[in-house]
C-alpha atoms as a PDB file:
ATOM      1  CA  MET A   1     -44.171  -4.066  28.175  1.00  0.00           C
ATOM      2  CA  SER A   2     -42.266  -5.816  26.935  1.00  0.00           C
ATOM      3  CA  MET A   3     -40.988  -9.230  28.663  1.00  0.00           C
ATOM      4  CA  VAL A   4     -37.475  -8.722  28.869  1.00  0.00           C
ATOM      5  CA  PRO A   5     -36.223  -7.723  32.103  1.00  0.00           C
ATOM      6  CA  ALA A   6     -34.377  -4.357  31.902  1.00  0.00           C
ATOM      7  CA  ARG A   7     -31.309  -5.071  33.183  1.00  0.00           C
ATOM      8  CA  PHE A   8     -31.442  -8.118  30.196  1.00  0.00           C
ATOM      9  CA  THR A   9     -32.503  -5.022  27.923  1.00  0.00           C
ATOM     10  CA  GLN A  10     -29.093  -2.944  28.994  1.00  0.00           C
ATOM     11  CA  ARG A  11     -26.183  -6.505  29.379  1.00  0.00           C
ATOM     12  CA  PHE A  12     -27.752  -6.236  25.461  1.00  0.00           C
ATOM     13  CA  GLN A  13     -27.355  -2.850  24.641  1.00  0.00           C
ATOM     14  CA  THR A  14     -23.339  -3.500  26.527  1.00  0.00           C
ATOM     15  CA  LEU A  15     -22.512  -6.765  24.896  1.00  0.00           C
ATOM     16  CA  LEU A  16     -23.304  -5.030  21.687  1.00  0.00           C
ATOM     17  CA  ILE A  17     -21.948  -2.065  21.392  1.00  0.00           C
ATOM     18  CA  ALA A  18     -18.432  -3.956  23.121  1.00  0.00           C
ATOM     19  CA  ALA A  19     -18.929  -5.896  19.784  1.00  0.00           C
ATOM     20  CA  SER A  20     -19.327  -3.459  17.391  1.00  0.00           C
ATOM     21  CA  LEU A  21     -16.588  -1.768  18.649  1.00  0.00           C
ATOM     22  CA  SER A  22     -13.665  -4.935  17.822  1.00  0.00           C
ATOM     23  CA  PRO A  23     -13.570  -4.207  14.342  1.00  0.00           C
ATOM     24  CA  LEU A  24     -12.416  -1.065  14.918  1.00  0.00           C
ATOM     25  CA  THR A  25     -10.274  -1.551  17.559  1.00  0.00           C
ATOM     26  CA  LEU A  26      -7.910  -3.794  14.685  1.00  0.00           C
ATOM     27  CA  MET A  27      -9.124  -1.984  11.809  1.00  0.00           C
ATOM     28  CA  ALA A  28      -6.383   1.175  14.349  1.00  0.00           C
ATOM     29  CA  GLN A  29      -3.271  -1.021  14.298  1.00  0.00           C
ATOM     30  CA  THR A  30      -1.116   1.430  15.381  1.00  0.00           C
ATOM     31  CA  PHE A  31       2.608   0.915  13.600  1.00  0.00           C
ATOM     32  CA  PRO A  32       5.813   2.410  14.746  1.00  0.00           C
ATOM     33  CA  PRO A  33       5.976   5.575  12.520  1.00  0.00           C
ATOM     34  CA  PRO A  34       8.588   5.543   9.098  1.00  0.00           C
ATOM     35  CA  GLU A  35      11.906   7.498   9.384  1.00  0.00           C
ATOM     36  CA  ALA A  36      10.458  11.114   7.989  1.00  0.00           C
ATOM     37  CA  GLN A  37      12.440  10.829   4.096  1.00  0.00           C
ATOM     38  CA  PRO A  38      12.782   6.310   3.796  1.00  0.00           C
ATOM     39  CA  ALA A  39      14.947   5.141   2.098  1.00  0.00           C
ATOM     40  CA  LEU A  40      15.002   1.967   0.230  1.00  0.00           C
ATOM     41  CA  ARG A  41      16.898  -0.201  -2.243  1.00  0.00           C
ATOM     42  CA  GLY A  42      17.783  -2.885  -4.491  1.00  0.00           C
ATOM     43  CA  SER A  43      17.107  -4.963  -7.983  1.00  0.00           C
ATOM     44  CA  THR A  44      13.533  -4.679  -9.898  1.00  0.00           C
ATOM     45  CA  LEU A  45      12.835  -7.600 -10.844  1.00  0.00           C
ATOM     46  CA  GLU A  46      13.971  -6.933 -14.212  1.00  0.00           C
ATOM     47  CA  GLY A  47      17.248  -7.284 -12.551  1.00  0.00           C
ATOM     48  CA  LYS A  48      18.012  -3.011 -12.211  1.00  0.00           C
ATOM     49  CA  ALA A  49      20.095  -1.581  -9.580  1.00  0.00           C
ATOM     50  CA  PHE A  50      16.878   1.189  -8.001  1.00  0.00           C
ATOM     51  CA  ASP A  51      17.152   3.863  -4.942  1.00  0.00           C
ATOM     52  CA  LEU A  52      14.477   6.039  -3.594  1.00  0.00           C
ATOM     53  CA  GLN A  53      16.576   8.263  -3.467  1.00  0.00           C
ATOM     54  CA  ALA A  54      16.849   8.849  -7.886  1.00  0.00           C
ATOM     55  CA  LEU A  55      13.520  10.436  -6.644  1.00  0.00           C
ATOM     56  CA  ARG A  56      13.251  13.406  -5.718  1.00  0.00           C
ATOM     57  CA  GLY A  57      12.195  15.490  -7.070  1.00  0.00           C
ATOM     58  CA  LYS A  58       8.545  12.901  -7.911  1.00  0.00           C
ATOM     59  CA  VAL A  59       5.522  12.318  -5.869  1.00  0.00           C
ATOM     60  CA  VAL A  60       5.771   9.085  -5.309  1.00  0.00           C
ATOM     61  CA  MET A  61       3.628   6.334  -3.697  1.00  0.00           C
ATOM     62  CA  VAL A  62       5.016   2.950  -3.187  1.00  0.00           C
ATOM     63  CA  VAL A  63       2.389  -0.147  -2.868  1.00  0.00           C
ATOM     64  CA  PHE A  64       3.728  -2.841  -0.539  1.00  0.00           C
ATOM     65  CA  TRP A  65       1.620  -6.317  -1.546  1.00  0.00           C
ATOM     66  CA  SER A  66       1.375 -10.257  -2.509  1.00  0.00           C
ATOM     67  CA  THR A  67       0.084 -11.973  -5.199  1.00  0.00           C
ATOM     68  CA  ASP A  68      -2.150 -14.139  -2.457  1.00  0.00           C
ATOM     69  CA  CYS A  69      -3.681 -11.010  -1.275  1.00  0.00           C
ATOM     70  CA  ALA A  70      -7.191 -10.284  -2.671  1.00  0.00           C
ATOM     71  CA  VAL A  71      -7.646  -6.445  -2.101  1.00  0.00           C
ATOM     72  CA  CYS A  72      -3.698  -5.535  -3.565  1.00  0.00           C
ATOM     73  CA  ARG A  73      -4.762  -7.914  -7.270  1.00  0.00           C
ATOM     74  CA  ASP A  74      -8.199  -6.230  -7.261  1.00  0.00           C
ATOM     75  CA  LYS A  75      -6.293  -2.417  -6.390  1.00  0.00           C
ATOM     76  CA  MET A  76      -3.554  -2.963  -9.334  1.00  0.00           C
ATOM     77  CA  PRO A  77      -5.343  -1.906 -12.385  1.00  0.00           C
ATOM     78  CA  GLU A  78      -7.282   1.206 -10.126  1.00  0.00           C
ATOM     79  CA  LEU A  79      -3.160   1.954  -9.055  1.00  0.00           C
ATOM     80  CA  ARG A  80      -2.304   1.633 -13.058  1.00  0.00           C
ATOM     81  CA  ALA A  81      -5.158   3.642 -13.990  1.00  0.00           C
ATOM     82  CA  ASN A  82      -3.605   6.814 -12.506  1.00  0.00           C
ATOM     83  CA  VAL A  83       0.180   5.998 -13.450  1.00  0.00           C
ATOM     84  CA  LYS A  84      -1.544   6.505 -17.020  1.00  0.00           C
ATOM     85  CA  GLY A  85      -3.691   9.975 -16.078  1.00  0.00           C
ATOM     86  CA  TRP A  86      -0.952  10.847 -14.456  1.00  0.00           C
ATOM     87  CA  MET A  87       1.570  10.163 -17.319  1.00  0.00           C
ATOM     88  CA  GLY A  88       4.105  13.348 -17.577  1.00  0.00           C
ATOM     89  CA  GLN A  89       3.867  14.870 -14.231  1.00  0.00           C
ATOM     90  CA  PRO A  90       6.637  14.505 -11.541  1.00  0.00           C
ATOM     91  CA  PHE A  91       4.501  11.127  -9.782  1.00  0.00           C
ATOM     92  CA  GLN A  92       5.862   7.899 -10.067  1.00  0.00           C
ATOM     93  CA  LEU A  93       4.580   4.443  -8.308  1.00  0.00           C
ATOM     94  CA  ILE A  94       6.126   2.080  -7.277  1.00  0.00           C
ATOM     95  CA  SER A  95       5.597  -1.779  -5.963  1.00  0.00           C
ATOM     96  CA  VAL A  96       6.968  -3.799  -3.635  1.00  0.00           C
ATOM     97  CA  SER A  97       6.216  -7.727  -3.917  1.00  0.00           C
ATOM     98  CA  THR A  98       6.572  -9.548  -0.397  1.00  0.00           C
ATOM     99  CA  ASP A  99       5.365 -12.831  -2.050  1.00  0.00           C
ATOM    100  CA  ARG A 100       7.531 -15.672   0.422  1.00  0.00           C
ATOM    101  CA  GLN A 101       8.216 -15.945  -4.215  1.00  0.00           C
ATOM    102  CA  ARG A 102      10.739 -14.479  -6.123  1.00  0.00           C
ATOM    103  CA  SER A 103       8.683 -16.493  -8.389  1.00  0.00           C
ATOM    104  CA  SER A 104       4.832 -16.041  -7.627  1.00  0.00           C
ATOM    105  CA  ALA A 105       6.221 -11.447  -8.044  1.00  0.00           C
ATOM    106  CA  GLU A 106       7.310 -12.439 -11.176  1.00  0.00           C
ATOM    107  CA  SER A 107       5.462 -14.638 -12.986  1.00  0.00           C
ATOM    108  CA  TYR A 108       2.443 -12.152 -12.279  1.00  0.00           C
ATOM    109  CA  THR A 109       4.850  -9.334 -12.926  1.00  0.00           C
ATOM    110  CA  GLN A 110       5.048 -11.244 -16.731  1.00  0.00           C
ATOM    111  CA  LEU A 111       1.336 -11.886 -17.115  1.00  0.00           C
ATOM    112  CA  ILE A 112       0.880  -8.027 -16.799  1.00  0.00           C
ATOM    113  CA  ASN A 113       3.923  -7.397 -19.173  1.00  0.00           C
ATOM    114  CA  ILE A 114       1.524  -9.999 -21.278  1.00  0.00           C
ATOM    115  CA  THR A 115      -1.759  -7.669 -21.052  1.00  0.00           C
ATOM    116  CA  VAL A 116      -1.605  -3.905 -19.751  1.00  0.00           C
ATOM    117  CA  PRO A 117       0.150  -1.626 -21.635  1.00  0.00           C
ATOM    118  CA  ALA A 118       3.512   0.211 -21.308  1.00  0.00           C
ATOM    119  CA  ASN A 119       2.500   3.561 -19.889  1.00  0.00           C
ATOM    120  CA  GLN A 120       0.031   1.189 -17.598  1.00  0.00           C
ATOM    121  CA  ARG A 121       3.303  -0.596 -15.379  1.00  0.00           C
ATOM    122  CA  PHE A 122       5.597   0.081 -12.430  1.00  0.00           C
ATOM    123  CA  THR A 123       8.688  -0.424 -11.051  1.00  0.00           C
ATOM    124  CA  THR A 124       8.614  -3.700  -9.011  1.00  0.00           C
ATOM    125  CA  LEU A 125      10.710  -5.092  -6.427  1.00  0.00           C
ATOM    126  CA  TRP A 126      10.527  -8.145  -4.318  1.00  0.00           C
ATOM    127  CA  SER A 127      11.202  -7.597  -0.187  1.00  0.00           C
ATOM    128  CA  ARG A 128      13.288 -10.849  -0.066  1.00  0.00           C
ATOM    129  CA  ASP A 129      16.156 -10.448  -2.434  1.00  0.00           C
ATOM    130  CA  VAL A 130      19.610 -10.207  -0.615  1.00  0.00           C
ATOM    131  CA  ARG A 131      20.044  -6.874  -1.949  1.00  0.00           C
ATOM    132  CA  TYR A 132      17.183  -4.961  -0.526  1.00  0.00           C
ATOM    133  CA  HIS A 133      16.178  -2.837   2.251  1.00  0.00           C
ATOM    134  CA  ASP A 134      13.492   0.009   3.582  1.00  0.00           C
ATOM    135  CA  THR A 135      12.559   2.058   6.252  1.00  0.00           C
ATOM    136  CA  PHE A 136       9.644   1.764   5.991  1.00  0.00           C
ATOM    137  CA  GLY A 137       9.217  -0.261   9.178  1.00  0.00           C
ATOM    138  CA  PRO A 138       6.399  -3.231   9.510  1.00  0.00           C
ATOM    139  CA  THR A 139       3.667  -2.917   7.153  1.00  0.00           C
ATOM    140  CA  GLY A 140       0.758  -4.182   9.096  1.00  0.00           C
ATOM    141  CA  HIS A 141      -2.302  -5.258   6.917  1.00  0.00           C
ATOM    142  CA  LEU A 142      -1.306  -5.196   2.950  1.00  0.00           C
ATOM    143  CA  PRO A 143      -1.561  -3.605   1.010  1.00  0.00           C
ATOM    144  CA  ALA A 144       0.382  -0.842   2.266  1.00  0.00           C
ATOM    145  CA  ALA A 145       0.957   2.437   0.916  1.00  0.00           C
ATOM    146  CA  PHE A 146       3.538   5.177   1.246  1.00  0.00           C
ATOM    147  CA  LEU A 147       3.062   7.998   0.472  1.00  0.00           C
ATOM    148  CA  LEU A 148       6.162  10.791  -0.060  1.00  0.00           C
ATOM    149  CA  ASP A 149       6.261  14.718  -0.939  1.00  0.00           C
ATOM    150  CA  LYS A 150       8.955  15.868  -3.974  1.00  0.00           C
ATOM    151  CA  SER A 151      11.287  15.850  -1.210  1.00  0.00           C
ATOM    152  CA  GLY A 152      11.242  12.052  -0.212  1.00  0.00           C
ATOM    153  CA  ARG A 153       9.295  12.798   3.049  1.00  0.00           C
ATOM    154  CA  LEU A 154       6.636  10.219   3.939  1.00  0.00           C
ATOM    155  CA  VAL A 155       3.050  12.511   3.808  1.00  0.00           C
ATOM    156  CA  GLU A 156       0.581   9.578   4.357  1.00  0.00           C
ATOM    157  CA  GLN A 157       0.577   5.874   4.981  1.00  0.00           C
ATOM    158  CA  TYR A 158      -2.012   3.409   4.415  1.00  0.00           C
ATOM    159  CA  HIS A 159      -3.523   0.071   5.746  1.00  0.00           C
ATOM    160  CA  GLY A 160      -6.089  -1.880   3.924  1.00  0.00           C
ATOM    161  CA  ARG A 161      -7.211  -0.785   1.472  1.00  0.00           C
ATOM    162  CA  ILE A 162      -6.098   2.609  -1.320  1.00  0.00           C
ATOM    163  CA  PRO A 163      -9.060   5.113   0.096  1.00  0.00           C
ATOM    164  CA  ALA A 164      -9.837   7.481  -3.049  1.00  0.00           C
ATOM    165  CA  GLU A 165      -8.943  10.664  -0.751  1.00  0.00           C
ATOM    166  CA  ALA A 166      -5.187   9.597  -1.264  1.00  0.00           C
ATOM    167  CA  TRP A 167      -5.024  10.269  -4.930  1.00  0.00           C
ATOM    168  CA  ASP A 168      -6.298  14.291  -4.100  1.00  0.00           C
ATOM    169  CA  ARG A 169      -2.963  14.119  -1.886  1.00  0.00           C
ATOM    170  CA  ILE A 170      -1.431  13.036  -4.820  1.00  0.00           C
ATOM    171  CA  ALA A 171      -2.803  15.839  -6.523  1.00  0.00           C
ATOM    172  CA  ASP A 172      -2.629  18.834  -4.192  1.00  0.00           C
ATOM    173  CA  LEU A 173       0.861  17.351  -3.818  1.00  0.00           C
ATOM    174  CA  LEU A 174       1.495  17.670  -7.574  1.00  0.00           C
END
């Protein structure tokens, strides 16, 4: 026999269910869909002209990130390992730094250029460069990754941690 009134238990259960669903609501944010064949143009951190359209014929993952995003930094070794693993395949990873200061992205890239083998590096653009333009739309939680097939068509998008299934999807598209 319980000392707690039944109506209290029911209210508590309802409150508990509502509280447990609220993180799901936050995680399931909706974003306007980017264009079916998004555009991305600008200059790399090394100053080279870049146009996503030039990568037609390759599977492309575009990752938006920031040096002050712990999840983004945590994912970088996994991204580099996949770049190395798919070397020789029609796959390209492009990163877009959303840092407020270009110097933050440049400092990080300089560190990577010293510590990471060339076969694990990828092209990086800075989103606040005056030559930068994209039609991916709002990125929401970082990292945000957009997967394009060989024709440049958007096939998947991920906000927050990039799931392991993303790498399987890339393998399917190759």
